[in-house]
Each structure stands twice: as C-alpha cells, then as structure tokens.
Amino acid sequence: MKSQQNVPDAIPAVVAQMILGSIDANNHSQNVDYSSPVLKPVVARIYPVFILLYFIPAALGIASNVLVVMYISKYKLYREATQAFMVNLAVCHIVQCAFVLPITLMVMLIQNWIFGQFLCFFLPLLQDIPLHVAMISHLLIAWDRKRWLTDPLKARLPAFVCSCASWLAGMVIALPYPIYTTYLDLGSQKPPVAPMESS
C-alpha cells in the first residue's frame, strides 16, 4: 500500500471529478465551476416542483407557530407550564421551518457543497438539535401532567428552566456529529492536464 505522499497529484482530481459527476460516459472531463451551485441532473427539469413542495409547508409552519407564540404571549398563558412548553415547541418548529428545511432542500437539489466549511460541520447540529428539543419537550409535558394529575398540590415543573435545559441537552446529544464529519473541498482539486496531441 502506498503512502499518501506517493499518490500522484492527478489521482485526487480524478476522484473529485468522479464523485461530483463531471466525467462523462466516455471518460472525458467536463469543465464545471463548482464554486457556484450545480444542479443534480436527475432534478434539473423538475426542481421548481421540489421548491414549491418545500416552500408551502415551511411557510405554513412558520406562520402557524408564530401565531401560537403570539397568542400565548398576548394572553400571558405562558405562566402555565404546559403552555410554556408549547412555546418551546413552537420555537423548535420555527427553527426547523426557517433554517433546516431550506438548507436540506438545497443539499438535496445541488450536487456540490457551496455553504463552506462552517456549515458543513454545523448543519447536522442544526438539523438534529430542534428534533431532540421537541422530543424532550414532549417528555417534559407528559411528565409534568402526570405529576399534576397524581398530586394537584405539587408544584409544577419550572418551564423556563426546563426549556433551557432541553436546548442544552439537545446540543449535547448532537455534539458528536462534527467529530465524525470530514470537510474536503473537492472544488479545489484541479483537473489533470491532458497531454497535448501533436498534429
């Protein structure tokens, strides 16, 4: 097995082109600018349908969850623990609809990564933290209701503290993702220069 130092410079470039799909069926290299978005060929004709199918639920989700937060805030219902947890759930879903869905759609439609190194490491966290927070919030709601039904005189869970703790727990659960993520800028790999043919 050769060490990494003995690998010819042309090999990583060819591998990068094969992964990104810029080598055609005849093994000819296609000059593609990977610094800008490149649509996947399979969705090139129908990508507006995907955008519409993602936009409608995202817009409805943001609007409805903002209305929930506004309603609970207007009538000061957040003083009751269950309603405070509902605000936490609404915030989770706003984050998912406003940030996670659009970026996930872009990753699905575009074959090259254009979001940079930071988002490469942060995207898995952004996708999973709100999911974990939502699950923990549901558990807290159920646990709080069970305690209240068992003993109505017992103090309710401190909703604000528990909500902050749910976000912290969600970050801790998702934290290992960046450790196992490797960022490799395939666009920086230069295609091998073909030898000049003599006429």
N, C-alpha and C. Protein backbone atom coordinates (compact mmCIF):
# COMPACT_ATOMS: atom_id res chain seq x y z
N MET A 1 0.85 -1.19 0.00
CA MET A 1 0.00 0.00 0.00
C MET A 1 0.89 1.24 0.00
N LYS A 2 0.59 2.17 -0.89
CA LYS A 2 1.39 3.39 -0.98
C LYS A 2 0.97 4.37 0.10
N SER A 3 1.91 5.13 0.54
CA SER A 3 1.57 6.18 1.50
C SER A 3 0.94 7.35 0.75
N GLN A 4 0.33 8.25 1.49
CA GLN A 4 -0.37 9.37 0.88
C GLN A 4 0.60 10.28 0.11
N GLN A 5 1.86 10.33 0.53
CA GLN A 5 2.83 11.18 -0.13
C GLN A 5 3.16 10.68 -1.53
N ASN A 6 2.98 9.35 -1.78
CA ASN A 6 3.33 8.78 -3.07
C ASN A 6 2.19 8.78 -4.08
N VAL A 7 1.01 9.28 -3.69
CA VAL A 7 -0.13 9.32 -4.61
C VAL A 7 0.09 10.46 -5.59
N PRO A 8 0.00 10.17 -6.89
CA PRO A 8 0.18 11.25 -7.89
C PRO A 8 -0.87 12.34 -7.72
N ASP A 9 -0.50 13.57 -8.07
CA ASP A 9 -1.40 14.71 -7.91
C ASP A 9 -2.66 14.57 -8.74
N ALA A 10 -2.60 13.83 -9.83
CA ALA A 10 -3.76 13.72 -10.73
C ALA A 10 -4.86 12.85 -10.13
N ILE A 11 -4.51 11.92 -9.24
CA ILE A 11 -5.49 10.96 -8.71
C ILE A 11 -6.58 11.65 -7.89
N PRO A 12 -6.25 12.51 -6.90
CA PRO A 12 -7.34 13.17 -6.16
C PRO A 12 -8.25 13.99 -7.05
N ALA A 13 -7.69 14.59 -8.10
CA ALA A 13 -8.51 15.39 -9.01
C ALA A 13 -9.50 14.52 -9.76
N VAL A 14 -9.04 13.35 -10.23
CA VAL A 14 -9.93 12.43 -10.95
C VAL A 14 -11.02 11.91 -10.03
N VAL A 15 -10.63 11.55 -8.78
CA VAL A 15 -11.62 11.07 -7.81
C VAL A 15 -12.65 12.15 -7.53
N ALA A 16 -12.19 13.39 -7.37
CA ALA A 16 -13.12 14.50 -7.13
C ALA A 16 -14.09 14.67 -8.29
N GLN A 17 -13.58 14.56 -9.53
CA GLN A 17 -14.46 14.69 -10.69
C GLN A 17 -15.47 13.56 -10.76
N MET A 18 -15.04 12.35 -10.43
CA MET A 18 -15.97 11.21 -10.47
C MET A 18 -17.06 11.35 -9.42
N ILE A 19 -16.69 11.79 -8.22
CA ILE A 19 -17.68 11.96 -7.15
C ILE A 19 -18.68 13.04 -7.53
N LEU A 20 -18.19 14.12 -8.10
CA LEU A 20 -19.07 15.23 -8.46
C LEU A 20 -19.78 15.02 -9.78
N GLY A 21 -19.44 13.95 -10.50
CA GLY A 21 -20.15 13.64 -11.74
C GLY A 21 -19.73 14.48 -12.91
N SER A 22 -18.50 14.96 -12.94
CA SER A 22 -18.06 15.80 -14.04
C SER A 22 -17.24 15.03 -15.06
N ILE A 23 -17.29 13.70 -15.01
CA ILE A 23 -16.66 12.87 -16.04
C ILE A 23 -17.79 12.15 -16.75
N ASP A 24 -17.88 12.29 -18.05
CA ASP A 24 -18.99 11.69 -18.79
C ASP A 24 -18.74 10.22 -19.06
N ALA A 25 -19.66 9.59 -19.80
CA ALA A 25 -19.59 8.14 -20.04
C ALA A 25 -18.36 7.76 -20.85
N ASN A 26 -17.79 8.69 -21.64
CA ASN A 26 -16.61 8.40 -22.45
C ASN A 26 -15.31 8.75 -21.73
N ASN A 27 -15.41 8.97 -20.40
CA ASN A 27 -14.24 9.31 -19.60
C ASN A 27 -13.64 10.66 -19.97
N HIS A 28 -14.45 11.53 -20.54
CA HIS A 28 -13.98 12.87 -20.86
C HIS A 28 -14.35 13.82 -19.72
N SER A 29 -13.40 14.62 -19.35
CA SER A 29 -13.63 15.57 -18.26
C SER A 29 -14.44 16.76 -18.77
N GLN A 30 -15.45 17.14 -17.99
CA GLN A 30 -16.25 18.31 -18.32
C GLN A 30 -15.83 19.45 -17.40
N ASN A 31 -15.62 20.62 -17.98
CA ASN A 31 -15.23 21.77 -17.17
C ASN A 31 -16.46 22.34 -16.48
N VAL A 32 -16.55 22.15 -15.17
CA VAL A 32 -17.68 22.62 -14.38
C VAL A 32 -17.14 23.49 -13.26
N ASP A 33 -17.77 24.64 -13.06
CA ASP A 33 -17.37 25.55 -11.99
C ASP A 33 -18.10 25.15 -10.71
N TYR A 34 -17.39 24.53 -9.77
CA TYR A 34 -18.01 24.04 -8.55
C TYR A 34 -18.05 25.10 -7.45
N SER A 35 -17.61 26.31 -7.76
CA SER A 35 -17.76 27.38 -6.78
C SER A 35 -19.18 27.94 -6.77
N SER A 36 -19.95 27.64 -7.81
CA SER A 36 -21.36 28.03 -7.87
C SER A 36 -22.23 26.77 -7.84
N PRO A 37 -23.52 26.90 -7.52
CA PRO A 37 -24.38 25.71 -7.42
C PRO A 37 -24.50 24.97 -8.73
N VAL A 38 -24.42 23.64 -8.65
CA VAL A 38 -24.60 22.78 -9.82
C VAL A 38 -25.73 21.83 -9.50
N LEU A 39 -26.83 21.95 -10.26
CA LEU A 39 -27.99 21.10 -10.02
C LEU A 39 -27.68 19.65 -10.34
N LYS A 40 -28.27 18.75 -9.58
CA LYS A 40 -28.16 17.33 -9.91
C LYS A 40 -28.92 17.07 -11.20
N PRO A 41 -28.36 16.31 -12.12
CA PRO A 41 -29.04 16.08 -13.41
C PRO A 41 -30.43 15.47 -13.26
N VAL A 42 -30.62 14.65 -12.23
CA VAL A 42 -31.90 13.96 -12.06
C VAL A 42 -33.04 14.92 -11.70
N VAL A 43 -32.73 16.08 -11.13
CA VAL A 43 -33.77 17.04 -10.75
C VAL A 43 -33.71 18.33 -11.57
N ALA A 44 -32.87 18.36 -12.59
CA ALA A 44 -32.67 19.60 -13.35
C ALA A 44 -33.96 20.12 -13.96
N ARG A 45 -34.85 19.23 -14.40
CA ARG A 45 -36.08 19.67 -15.06
C ARG A 45 -37.23 19.91 -14.10
N ILE A 46 -37.21 19.27 -12.94
CA ILE A 46 -38.37 19.34 -12.05
C ILE A 46 -38.07 20.01 -10.71
N TYR A 47 -36.92 20.67 -10.59
CA TYR A 47 -36.57 21.26 -9.30
C TYR A 47 -37.56 22.31 -8.81
N PRO A 48 -38.26 23.06 -9.71
CA PRO A 48 -39.27 24.00 -9.17
C PRO A 48 -40.38 23.31 -8.38
N VAL A 49 -40.71 22.07 -8.74
CA VAL A 49 -41.73 21.32 -8.00
C VAL A 49 -41.25 21.05 -6.58
N PHE A 50 -39.97 20.66 -6.45
CA PHE A 50 -39.41 20.41 -5.12
C PHE A 50 -39.40 21.68 -4.28
N ILE A 51 -39.04 22.79 -4.91
CA ILE A 51 -39.01 24.07 -4.19
C ILE A 51 -40.41 24.41 -3.68
N LEU A 52 -41.42 24.23 -4.53
CA LEU A 52 -42.80 24.52 -4.13
C LEU A 52 -43.25 23.59 -3.01
N LEU A 53 -42.92 22.30 -3.13
CA LEU A 53 -43.34 21.34 -2.11
C LEU A 53 -42.67 21.58 -0.76
N TYR A 54 -41.49 22.19 -0.76
CA TYR A 54 -40.83 22.52 0.50
C TYR A 54 -41.28 23.90 1.00
N PHE A 55 -41.54 24.82 0.07
CA PHE A 55 -41.89 26.18 0.46
C PHE A 55 -43.24 26.24 1.18
N ILE A 56 -44.22 25.51 0.67
CA ILE A 56 -45.57 25.58 1.24
C ILE A 56 -45.58 25.13 2.70
N PRO A 57 -45.06 23.92 3.03
CA PRO A 57 -45.06 23.54 4.46
C PRO A 57 -44.19 24.45 5.32
N ALA A 58 -43.06 24.93 4.77
CA ALA A 58 -42.19 25.80 5.56
C ALA A 58 -42.90 27.12 5.88
N ALA A 59 -43.56 27.72 4.89
CA ALA A 59 -44.26 28.98 5.13
C ALA A 59 -45.43 28.80 6.10
N LEU A 60 -46.21 27.72 5.90
CA LEU A 60 -47.32 27.45 6.81
C LEU A 60 -46.83 27.15 8.22
N GLY A 61 -45.73 26.42 8.32
CA GLY A 61 -45.17 26.09 9.63
C GLY A 61 -44.69 27.32 10.38
N ILE A 62 -43.98 28.21 9.67
CA ILE A 62 -43.51 29.43 10.31
C ILE A 62 -44.69 30.29 10.76
N ALA A 63 -45.66 30.48 9.86
CA ALA A 63 -46.80 31.34 10.17
C ALA A 63 -47.61 30.80 11.35
N SER A 64 -47.92 29.50 11.32
CA SER A 64 -48.77 28.93 12.38
C SER A 64 -48.05 28.92 13.72
N ASN A 65 -46.76 28.65 13.74
CA ASN A 65 -46.03 28.61 15.00
C ASN A 65 -45.81 30.02 15.56
N VAL A 66 -45.61 31.00 14.68
CA VAL A 66 -45.53 32.39 15.15
C VAL A 66 -46.85 32.81 15.77
N LEU A 67 -47.97 32.40 15.14
CA LEU A 67 -49.29 32.71 15.70
C LEU A 67 -49.49 32.07 17.08
N VAL A 68 -48.98 30.85 17.25
CA VAL A 68 -49.08 30.18 18.55
C VAL A 68 -48.33 30.97 19.61
N VAL A 69 -47.10 31.38 19.29
CA VAL A 69 -46.29 32.15 20.25
C VAL A 69 -46.97 33.48 20.56
N MET A 70 -47.50 34.15 19.53
CA MET A 70 -48.16 35.44 19.74
C MET A 70 -49.41 35.29 20.61
N TYR A 71 -50.18 34.24 20.35
CA TYR A 71 -51.42 34.03 21.12
C TYR A 71 -51.11 33.76 22.59
N ILE A 72 -50.14 32.87 22.83
CA ILE A 72 -49.78 32.54 24.21
C ILE A 72 -49.20 33.76 24.92
N SER A 73 -48.42 34.57 24.19
CA SER A 73 -47.83 35.77 24.79
C SER A 73 -48.89 36.83 25.06
N LYS A 74 -49.83 36.99 24.13
CA LYS A 74 -50.85 38.04 24.26
C LYS A 74 -51.70 37.83 25.51
N TYR A 75 -52.10 36.60 25.74
CA TYR A 75 -52.98 36.30 26.88
C TYR A 75 -52.21 35.80 28.10
N LYS A 76 -50.87 35.89 28.03
CA LYS A 76 -49.99 35.52 29.15
C LYS A 76 -50.27 34.10 29.64
N LEU A 77 -50.49 33.20 28.70
CA LEU A 77 -50.76 31.81 29.05
C LEU A 77 -49.47 31.06 29.43
N TYR A 78 -48.31 31.67 29.12
CA TYR A 78 -47.04 31.02 29.40
C TYR A 78 -46.79 30.84 30.89
N ARG A 79 -47.62 31.45 31.74
CA ARG A 79 -47.47 31.26 33.19
C ARG A 79 -47.82 29.83 33.58
N GLU A 80 -48.60 29.16 32.75
CA GLU A 80 -48.94 27.75 32.99
C GLU A 80 -47.89 26.89 32.30
N ALA A 81 -47.38 25.87 32.98
CA ALA A 81 -46.22 25.12 32.50
C ALA A 81 -46.44 24.50 31.12
N THR A 82 -47.60 23.91 30.90
CA THR A 82 -47.85 23.25 29.61
C THR A 82 -47.78 24.25 28.47
N GLN A 83 -48.36 25.44 28.66
CA GLN A 83 -48.34 26.46 27.62
C GLN A 83 -46.92 26.98 27.38
N ALA A 84 -46.12 27.05 28.43
CA ALA A 84 -44.72 27.47 28.27
C ALA A 84 -43.95 26.45 27.45
N PHE A 85 -44.22 25.16 27.69
CA PHE A 85 -43.58 24.12 26.88
C PHE A 85 -44.06 24.19 25.43
N MET A 86 -45.30 24.61 25.23
CA MET A 86 -45.81 24.78 23.86
C MET A 86 -45.06 25.89 23.13
N VAL A 87 -44.70 26.94 23.85
CA VAL A 87 -43.88 28.00 23.25
C VAL A 87 -42.53 27.43 22.84
N ASN A 88 -41.94 26.60 23.69
CA ASN A 88 -40.66 25.97 23.36
C ASN A 88 -40.78 25.11 22.11
N LEU A 89 -41.86 24.34 22.01
CA LEU A 89 -42.09 23.52 20.82
C LEU A 89 -42.26 24.39 19.59
N ALA A 90 -42.99 25.48 19.71
CA ALA A 90 -43.19 26.38 18.57
C ALA A 90 -41.87 26.97 18.09
N VAL A 91 -41.00 27.35 19.02
CA VAL A 91 -39.69 27.88 18.65
C VAL A 91 -38.88 26.82 17.90
N CYS A 92 -38.93 25.57 18.38
CA CYS A 92 -38.24 24.46 17.68
C CYS A 92 -38.71 24.35 16.25
N HIS A 93 -40.02 24.40 16.05
CA HIS A 93 -40.57 24.20 14.71
C HIS A 93 -40.32 25.42 13.82
N ILE A 94 -40.24 26.61 14.40
CA ILE A 94 -39.87 27.79 13.61
C ILE A 94 -38.44 27.64 13.09
N VAL A 95 -37.53 27.19 13.96
CA VAL A 95 -36.13 26.97 13.55
C VAL A 95 -36.07 25.93 12.44
N GLN A 96 -36.83 24.84 12.59
CA GLN A 96 -36.83 23.80 11.56
C GLN A 96 -37.35 24.33 10.23
N CYS A 97 -38.47 25.05 10.26
CA CYS A 97 -39.08 25.55 9.01
C CYS A 97 -38.26 26.65 8.36
N ALA A 98 -37.65 27.52 9.17
CA ALA A 98 -36.95 28.68 8.62
C ALA A 98 -35.53 28.36 8.16
N PHE A 99 -34.86 27.41 8.83
CA PHE A 99 -33.45 27.15 8.53
C PHE A 99 -33.20 25.74 8.01
N VAL A 100 -33.73 24.75 8.71
CA VAL A 100 -33.40 23.36 8.37
C VAL A 100 -33.99 22.96 7.03
N LEU A 101 -35.27 23.24 6.80
CA LEU A 101 -35.90 22.83 5.55
C LEU A 101 -35.25 23.46 4.31
N PRO A 102 -34.99 24.78 4.27
CA PRO A 102 -34.36 25.33 3.06
C PRO A 102 -32.97 24.76 2.78
N ILE A 103 -32.16 24.62 3.84
CA ILE A 103 -30.81 24.10 3.61
C ILE A 103 -30.86 22.63 3.20
N THR A 104 -31.76 21.86 3.81
CA THR A 104 -31.90 20.46 3.43
C THR A 104 -32.34 20.33 1.98
N LEU A 105 -33.24 21.20 1.53
CA LEU A 105 -33.66 21.20 0.13
C LEU A 105 -32.49 21.51 -0.79
N MET A 106 -31.68 22.50 -0.43
CA MET A 106 -30.51 22.83 -1.25
C MET A 106 -29.55 21.65 -1.35
N VAL A 107 -29.34 20.97 -0.23
CA VAL A 107 -28.44 19.80 -0.24
C VAL A 107 -29.00 18.71 -1.14
N MET A 108 -30.33 18.58 -1.16
CA MET A 108 -30.96 17.55 -1.97
C MET A 108 -30.88 17.88 -3.46
N LEU A 109 -30.96 19.15 -3.83
CA LEU A 109 -31.01 19.54 -5.24
C LEU A 109 -29.63 19.78 -5.86
N ILE A 110 -28.67 20.20 -5.05
CA ILE A 110 -27.36 20.59 -5.57
C ILE A 110 -26.35 19.50 -5.30
N GLN A 111 -25.55 19.18 -6.31
CA GLN A 111 -24.61 18.07 -6.14
C GLN A 111 -23.28 18.49 -5.53
N ASN A 112 -23.01 19.79 -5.47
CA ASN A 112 -21.77 20.24 -4.83
C ASN A 112 -22.11 21.06 -3.59
N TRP A 113 -21.19 21.05 -2.64
CA TRP A 113 -21.39 21.77 -1.38
C TRP A 113 -20.87 23.18 -1.55
N ILE A 114 -21.78 24.18 -1.39
CA ILE A 114 -21.39 25.57 -1.62
C ILE A 114 -21.46 26.41 -0.35
N PHE A 115 -21.75 25.76 0.78
CA PHE A 115 -22.03 26.50 2.01
C PHE A 115 -20.81 26.70 2.89
N GLY A 116 -19.66 26.22 2.49
CA GLY A 116 -18.44 26.45 3.26
C GLY A 116 -18.22 25.44 4.37
N GLN A 117 -17.06 25.54 4.98
CA GLN A 117 -16.63 24.57 5.98
C GLN A 117 -17.45 24.65 7.26
N PHE A 118 -17.78 25.87 7.71
CA PHE A 118 -18.50 26.01 8.98
C PHE A 118 -19.85 25.30 8.92
N LEU A 119 -20.62 25.56 7.86
CA LEU A 119 -21.95 24.96 7.75
C LEU A 119 -21.87 23.46 7.50
N CYS A 120 -20.77 23.00 6.92
CA CYS A 120 -20.58 21.56 6.75
C CYS A 120 -20.58 20.86 8.11
N PHE A 121 -19.94 21.47 9.09
CA PHE A 121 -19.91 20.90 10.44
C PHE A 121 -21.17 21.24 11.23
N PHE A 122 -21.75 22.42 10.98
CA PHE A 122 -22.87 22.89 11.79
C PHE A 122 -24.22 22.35 11.33
N LEU A 123 -24.35 21.99 10.04
CA LEU A 123 -25.65 21.55 9.51
C LEU A 123 -26.22 20.34 10.24
N PRO A 124 -25.43 19.29 10.51
CA PRO A 124 -26.00 18.16 11.26
C PRO A 124 -26.53 18.58 12.63
N LEU A 125 -25.83 19.51 13.29
CA LEU A 125 -26.31 20.02 14.58
C LEU A 125 -27.62 20.78 14.39
N LEU A 126 -27.66 21.63 13.36
CA LEU A 126 -28.85 22.43 13.10
C LEU A 126 -30.05 21.55 12.77
N GLN A 127 -29.80 20.42 12.10
CA GLN A 127 -30.89 19.51 11.75
C GLN A 127 -31.40 18.73 12.95
N ASP A 128 -30.51 18.37 13.85
CA ASP A 128 -30.90 17.45 14.93
C ASP A 128 -31.26 18.12 16.25
N ILE A 129 -30.66 19.26 16.56
CA ILE A 129 -30.93 19.90 17.86
C ILE A 129 -32.42 20.20 18.04
N PRO A 130 -33.10 20.85 17.08
CA PRO A 130 -34.53 21.11 17.29
C PRO A 130 -35.36 19.83 17.43
N LEU A 131 -34.96 18.78 16.73
CA LEU A 131 -35.66 17.50 16.85
C LEU A 131 -35.55 16.94 18.26
N HIS A 132 -34.34 16.96 18.82
CA HIS A 132 -34.14 16.47 20.19
C HIS A 132 -34.88 17.35 21.19
N VAL A 133 -34.85 18.66 20.97
CA VAL A 133 -35.54 19.57 21.89
C VAL A 133 -37.04 19.31 21.86
N ALA A 134 -37.59 19.08 20.68
CA ALA A 134 -39.03 18.79 20.57
C ALA A 134 -39.39 17.51 21.32
N MET A 135 -38.58 16.47 21.15
CA MET A 135 -38.85 15.21 21.86
C MET A 135 -38.76 15.38 23.37
N ILE A 136 -37.74 16.09 23.82
CA ILE A 136 -37.58 16.34 25.26
C ILE A 136 -38.75 17.17 25.79
N SER A 137 -39.20 18.15 25.00
CA SER A 137 -40.33 18.98 25.42
C SER A 137 -41.60 18.15 25.57
N HIS A 138 -41.83 17.23 24.65
CA HIS A 138 -43.00 16.34 24.77
C HIS A 138 -42.90 15.48 26.03
N LEU A 139 -41.70 14.99 26.31
CA LEU A 139 -41.50 14.20 27.54
C LEU A 139 -41.75 15.04 28.78
N LEU A 140 -41.27 16.29 28.77
CA LEU A 140 -41.48 17.17 29.91
C LEU A 140 -42.97 17.49 30.12
N ILE A 141 -43.69 17.70 29.02
CA ILE A 141 -45.13 17.95 29.12
C ILE A 141 -45.82 16.75 29.75
N ALA A 142 -45.49 15.55 29.25
CA ALA A 142 -46.11 14.33 29.78
C ALA A 142 -45.77 14.13 31.26
N TRP A 143 -44.49 14.35 31.61
CA TRP A 143 -44.06 14.16 32.99
C TRP A 143 -44.74 15.17 33.91
N ASP A 144 -44.81 16.43 33.46
CA ASP A 144 -45.45 17.47 34.26
C ASP A 144 -46.93 17.18 34.46
N ARG A 145 -47.63 16.75 33.42
CA ARG A 145 -49.05 16.44 33.53
C ARG A 145 -49.28 15.24 34.46
N LYS A 146 -48.39 14.25 34.38
CA LYS A 146 -48.52 13.07 35.24
C LYS A 146 -48.35 13.46 36.70
N ARG A 147 -47.36 14.31 36.98
CA ARG A 147 -47.15 14.78 38.36
C ARG A 147 -48.35 15.57 38.85
N TRP A 148 -48.90 16.43 37.99
CA TRP A 148 -50.03 17.26 38.39
C TRP A 148 -51.29 16.42 38.64
N LEU A 149 -51.50 15.38 37.79
CA LEU A 149 -52.68 14.53 37.98
C LEU A 149 -52.54 13.65 39.22
N THR A 150 -51.29 13.27 39.51
CA THR A 150 -51.06 12.43 40.70
C THR A 150 -51.27 13.24 41.98
N ASP A 151 -50.74 14.46 41.99
CA ASP A 151 -50.86 15.32 43.18
C ASP A 151 -51.03 16.77 42.72
N PRO A 152 -52.30 17.24 42.61
CA PRO A 152 -52.53 18.61 42.12
C PRO A 152 -51.91 19.70 42.98
N LEU A 153 -51.57 19.40 44.21
CA LEU A 153 -50.96 20.40 45.08
C LEU A 153 -49.45 20.51 44.89
N LYS A 154 -48.88 19.54 44.17
CA LYS A 154 -47.42 19.57 43.97
C LYS A 154 -47.07 20.68 42.98
N ALA A 155 -45.94 21.34 43.21
CA ALA A 155 -45.51 22.45 42.33
C ALA A 155 -45.22 21.93 40.93
N ARG A 156 -45.61 22.73 39.94
CA ARG A 156 -45.36 22.35 38.54
C ARG A 156 -43.87 22.49 38.22
N LEU A 157 -43.45 21.83 37.16
CA LEU A 157 -42.06 21.94 36.72
C LEU A 157 -41.76 23.39 36.32
N PRO A 158 -40.56 23.87 36.63
CA PRO A 158 -40.19 25.23 36.18
C PRO A 158 -39.96 25.22 34.67
N ALA A 159 -40.94 25.70 33.92
CA ALA A 159 -40.95 25.54 32.46
C ALA A 159 -39.78 26.24 31.79
N PHE A 160 -39.45 27.46 32.21
CA PHE A 160 -38.37 28.19 31.56
C PHE A 160 -37.03 27.47 31.75
N VAL A 161 -36.77 27.03 32.98
CA VAL A 161 -35.52 26.31 33.27
C VAL A 161 -35.46 25.01 32.48
N CYS A 162 -36.60 24.29 32.47
CA CYS A 162 -36.64 23.01 31.75
C CYS A 162 -36.47 23.22 30.25
N SER A 163 -37.04 24.29 29.72
CA SER A 163 -36.91 24.57 28.28
C SER A 163 -35.47 24.89 27.91
N CYS A 164 -34.80 25.71 28.73
CA CYS A 164 -33.38 26.00 28.50
C CYS A 164 -32.54 24.72 28.60
N ALA A 165 -32.88 23.89 29.59
CA ALA A 165 -32.17 22.62 29.75
C ALA A 165 -32.39 21.70 28.56
N SER A 166 -33.59 21.75 27.95
CA SER A 166 -33.85 20.90 26.79
C SER A 166 -32.98 21.31 25.60
N TRP A 167 -32.75 22.61 25.41
CA TRP A 167 -31.87 23.05 24.33
C TRP A 167 -30.42 22.64 24.62
N LEU A 168 -30.01 22.75 25.86
CA LEU A 168 -28.65 22.33 26.23
C LEU A 168 -28.48 20.83 26.02
N ALA A 169 -29.49 20.06 26.43
CA ALA A 169 -29.43 18.60 26.25
C ALA A 169 -29.41 18.25 24.77
N GLY A 170 -30.21 18.95 23.96
CA GLY A 170 -30.22 18.70 22.52
C GLY A 170 -28.87 18.96 21.89
N MET A 171 -28.18 20.02 22.34
CA MET A 171 -26.83 20.31 21.82
C MET A 171 -25.84 19.23 22.23
N VAL A 172 -25.94 18.77 23.48
CA VAL A 172 -25.01 17.74 23.96
C VAL A 172 -25.22 16.43 23.19
N ILE A 173 -26.49 16.07 22.94
CA ILE A 173 -26.78 14.83 22.20
C ILE A 173 -26.24 14.90 20.78
N ALA A 174 -26.37 16.06 20.13
CA ALA A 174 -25.95 16.20 18.74
C ALA A 174 -24.47 16.56 18.58
N LEU A 175 -23.79 16.85 19.68
CA LEU A 175 -22.41 17.33 19.62
C LEU A 175 -21.42 16.38 18.94
N PRO A 176 -21.58 15.06 19.05
CA PRO A 176 -20.59 14.18 18.39
C PRO A 176 -20.56 14.28 16.86
N TYR A 177 -21.60 14.82 16.22
CA TYR A 177 -21.62 14.87 14.76
C TYR A 177 -20.39 15.54 14.16
N PRO A 178 -19.98 16.75 14.61
CA PRO A 178 -18.81 17.38 13.98
C PRO A 178 -17.53 16.56 14.12
N ILE A 179 -17.46 15.74 15.16
CA ILE A 179 -16.25 14.93 15.37
C ILE A 179 -16.08 13.94 14.22
N TYR A 180 -17.20 13.41 13.72
CA TYR A 180 -17.15 12.39 12.67
C TYR A 180 -17.41 12.97 11.28
N THR A 181 -17.36 14.29 11.15
CA THR A 181 -17.56 14.94 9.85
C THR A 181 -16.20 15.37 9.31
N THR A 182 -15.97 15.07 8.04
CA THR A 182 -14.74 15.47 7.38
C THR A 182 -15.07 16.41 6.24
N TYR A 183 -14.41 17.56 6.21
CA TYR A 183 -14.64 18.53 5.14
C TYR A 183 -13.51 18.41 4.13
N LEU A 184 -13.87 18.13 2.88
CA LEU A 184 -12.90 18.02 1.80
C LEU A 184 -13.39 18.89 0.65
N ASP A 185 -12.63 19.90 0.31
CA ASP A 185 -13.02 20.83 -0.74
C ASP A 185 -12.65 20.22 -2.09
N LEU A 186 -13.63 19.51 -2.69
CA LEU A 186 -13.38 18.87 -3.97
C LEU A 186 -13.24 19.89 -5.09
N GLY A 187 -13.86 21.03 -4.92
CA GLY A 187 -13.75 22.07 -5.95
C GLY A 187 -12.35 22.62 -6.09
N SER A 188 -11.52 22.46 -5.05
CA SER A 188 -10.15 22.97 -5.12
C SER A 188 -9.23 22.04 -5.89
N GLN A 189 -9.70 20.83 -6.15
CA GLN A 189 -8.89 19.87 -6.90
C GLN A 189 -8.89 20.25 -8.37
N LYS A 190 -7.73 20.43 -8.92
CA LYS A 190 -7.62 20.82 -10.33
C LYS A 190 -7.69 19.58 -11.21
N PRO A 191 -8.41 19.65 -12.32
CA PRO A 191 -8.45 18.50 -13.20
C PRO A 191 -7.08 18.24 -13.81
N PRO A 192 -6.76 16.96 -14.07
CA PRO A 192 -5.47 16.67 -14.66
C PRO A 192 -5.36 17.25 -16.06
N VAL A 193 -4.19 17.77 -16.37
CA VAL A 193 -3.98 18.38 -17.67
C VAL A 193 -3.69 17.28 -18.67
N ALA A 194 -4.51 17.21 -19.72
CA ALA A 194 -4.31 16.20 -20.75
C ALA A 194 -3.09 16.55 -21.60
N PRO A 195 -2.32 15.52 -22.00
CA PRO A 195 -1.14 15.80 -22.84
C PRO A 195 -1.55 16.39 -24.19
N MET A 196 -0.76 17.31 -24.71
CA MET A 196 -1.04 17.94 -25.98
C MET A 196 -0.81 16.93 -27.10
N GLU A 197 -1.77 16.86 -28.01
CA GLU A 197 -1.60 15.96 -29.16
C GLU A 197 -0.88 16.68 -30.29
N SER A 198 0.06 15.99 -30.85
CA SER A 198 0.78 16.61 -31.97
C SER A 198 0.00 16.37 -33.24
N SER A 199 -0.06 17.38 -34.08
CA SER A 199 -0.81 17.24 -35.34
C SER A 199 0.09 16.76 -36.44
